[in-house]
Amino acid sequence: MVLEQFERFTKKGRSFLPKVSIRKRGQIGFNTGAIAKFGLDKYNYAILYISKDRDAIAIQFTNDEKEKGAIKIMKRPGNFAFSGKALFDLYEISYAETKSYEVNWIEDESAAVVTLK
């Protein structure tokens, strides 16, 4: 049988393109694609960074709850999120509308980079 050489695809109706959303309440959310591609399920905390020109944020993932700036990740099926409201308020980054962004992964730093503009 020819199909024995193939793997059946059963995950229809989902997007596996890694995306980050900045939501109306100031939450930063990662979709199923980002969770799977970057192995985010192995991390429990995130640390936020902002670029010097303020047009990008970086999110470093860790399991060290005592690391300065560590924010607990809320994990729900198909969506991980945490609050970015304090960062957005401090640097006057709008979160009035929910927006999705492509994300780049930096493997050796366990970090995601999101260009906001």
Protein backbone atom coordinates (compact mmCIF):
# COMPACT_ATOMS: atom_id res chain seq x y z
CA MET A 1 0.00 0.00 0.00
CA VAL A 2 1.44 3.36 -1.04
CA LEU A 3 -0.02 5.33 1.88
CA GLU A 4 2.02 3.32 4.39
CA GLN A 5 4.93 5.58 3.44
CA PHE A 6 3.02 8.70 4.50
CA GLU A 7 1.91 10.26 7.76
CA ARG A 8 -1.73 11.26 8.02
CA PHE A 9 -2.36 14.97 8.65
CA THR A 10 -5.12 15.36 11.25
CA LYS A 11 -4.65 18.87 12.62
CA LYS A 12 -6.97 20.67 10.21
CA GLY A 13 -8.45 24.03 11.06
CA ARG A 14 -5.37 25.33 12.92
CA SER A 15 -2.69 27.79 11.93
CA PHE A 16 0.87 26.68 12.47
CA LEU A 17 2.45 29.92 11.29
CA PRO A 18 4.04 31.33 14.47
CA LYS A 19 2.30 34.53 15.56
CA VAL A 20 2.27 36.81 18.57
CA SER A 21 -0.78 38.90 19.44
CA ILE A 22 -0.90 42.03 21.50
CA ARG A 23 -4.40 42.12 22.90
CA LYS A 24 -6.69 44.96 23.98
CA ARG A 25 -6.03 44.32 27.67
CA GLY A 26 -2.27 44.51 27.18
CA GLN A 27 -1.71 40.75 27.09
CA ILE A 28 0.93 39.18 24.85
CA GLY A 29 -0.28 35.87 23.41
CA PHE A 30 1.42 33.11 21.43
CA ASN A 31 -0.58 30.92 19.04
CA THR A 32 -0.34 27.16 18.54
CA GLY A 33 2.24 27.58 15.77
CA ALA A 34 4.62 29.54 18.00
CA ILE A 35 4.10 27.21 20.96
CA ALA A 36 4.91 24.15 18.85
CA LYS A 37 7.72 25.56 16.69
CA PHE A 38 9.60 27.21 19.55
CA GLY A 39 8.89 24.57 22.24
CA LEU A 40 7.29 27.13 24.55
CA ASP A 41 5.53 24.45 26.58
CA LYS A 42 8.82 23.79 28.42
CA TYR A 43 8.93 27.35 29.87
CA ASN A 44 6.90 28.87 32.70
CA TYR A 45 8.09 32.50 32.74
CA ALA A 46 8.84 35.30 30.29
CA ILE A 47 11.07 38.38 30.54
CA LEU A 48 10.31 41.41 28.40
CA TYR A 49 12.81 43.66 26.62
CA ILE A 50 12.27 46.67 24.36
CA SER A 51 14.58 47.82 21.58
CA LYS A 52 16.39 51.12 21.99
CA ASP A 53 14.45 52.60 19.07
CA ARG A 54 11.17 51.28 20.60
CA ASP A 55 10.04 49.51 17.43
CA ALA A 56 10.48 45.92 18.66
CA ILE A 57 10.06 43.83 21.78
CA ALA A 58 11.93 40.69 22.74
CA ILE A 59 10.57 38.00 25.01
CA GLN A 60 13.05 35.70 26.69
CA PHE A 61 11.70 32.47 28.13
CA THR A 62 12.90 30.93 31.37
CA ASN A 63 11.92 28.64 34.20
CA ASP A 64 13.63 30.78 36.84
CA GLU A 65 10.81 32.54 38.70
CA LYS A 66 13.37 34.59 40.67
CA GLU A 67 14.97 36.11 37.58
CA LYS A 68 14.48 39.88 37.58
CA GLY A 69 11.38 40.83 35.57
CA ALA A 70 10.05 37.25 35.26
CA ILE A 71 6.33 37.13 34.40
CA LYS A 72 4.26 33.95 34.86
CA ILE A 73 2.92 32.50 31.59
CA MET A 74 -0.76 31.57 31.60
CA LYS A 75 -1.10 28.33 29.63
CA ARG A 76 -4.33 27.36 27.91
CA PRO A 77 -4.77 24.81 25.11
CA GLY A 78 -3.49 26.42 21.91
CA ASN A 79 -2.65 29.75 23.53
CA PHE A 80 -0.04 30.94 26.01
CA ALA A 81 -0.23 34.52 27.32
CA PHE A 82 1.11 36.92 29.91
CA SER A 83 0.70 40.59 30.73
CA GLY A 84 2.74 43.18 28.86
CA LYS A 85 0.57 46.08 30.02
CA ALA A 86 3.20 47.68 32.28
CA LEU A 87 5.77 47.72 29.45
CA PHE A 88 3.26 49.07 26.95
CA ASP A 89 2.07 51.78 29.34
CA LEU A 90 5.60 52.85 30.29
CA TYR A 91 6.78 53.13 26.67
CA GLU A 92 3.43 54.40 25.32
CA ILE A 93 2.89 51.45 22.99
CA SER A 94 -0.75 51.26 21.96
CA TYR A 95 -2.78 48.14 22.69
CA ALA A 96 -6.16 49.72 21.93
CA GLU A 97 -6.79 47.09 19.23
CA THR A 98 -5.70 43.47 19.14
CA LYS A 99 -2.95 43.02 16.55
CA SER A 100 -1.03 39.96 15.38
CA TYR A 101 2.62 39.98 14.42
CA GLU A 102 5.08 37.56 12.90
CA VAL A 103 7.76 36.44 15.31
CA ASN A 104 11.44 35.56 14.94
CA TRP A 105 13.05 33.03 17.27
CA ILE A 106 16.61 33.33 18.63
CA GLU A 107 17.45 29.78 19.62
CA ASP A 108 20.62 30.37 21.66
CA GLU A 109 18.84 32.97 23.84
CA SER A 110 15.44 31.23 24.08
CA ALA A 111 13.91 34.48 22.90
CA ALA A 112 11.23 35.69 20.51
CA VAL A 113 11.55 39.04 18.73
CA VAL A 114 8.49 40.94 17.52
CA THR A 115 8.76 44.00 15.28
CA LEU A 116 5.94 46.37 16.18
CA LYS A 117 6.11 48.74 13.20
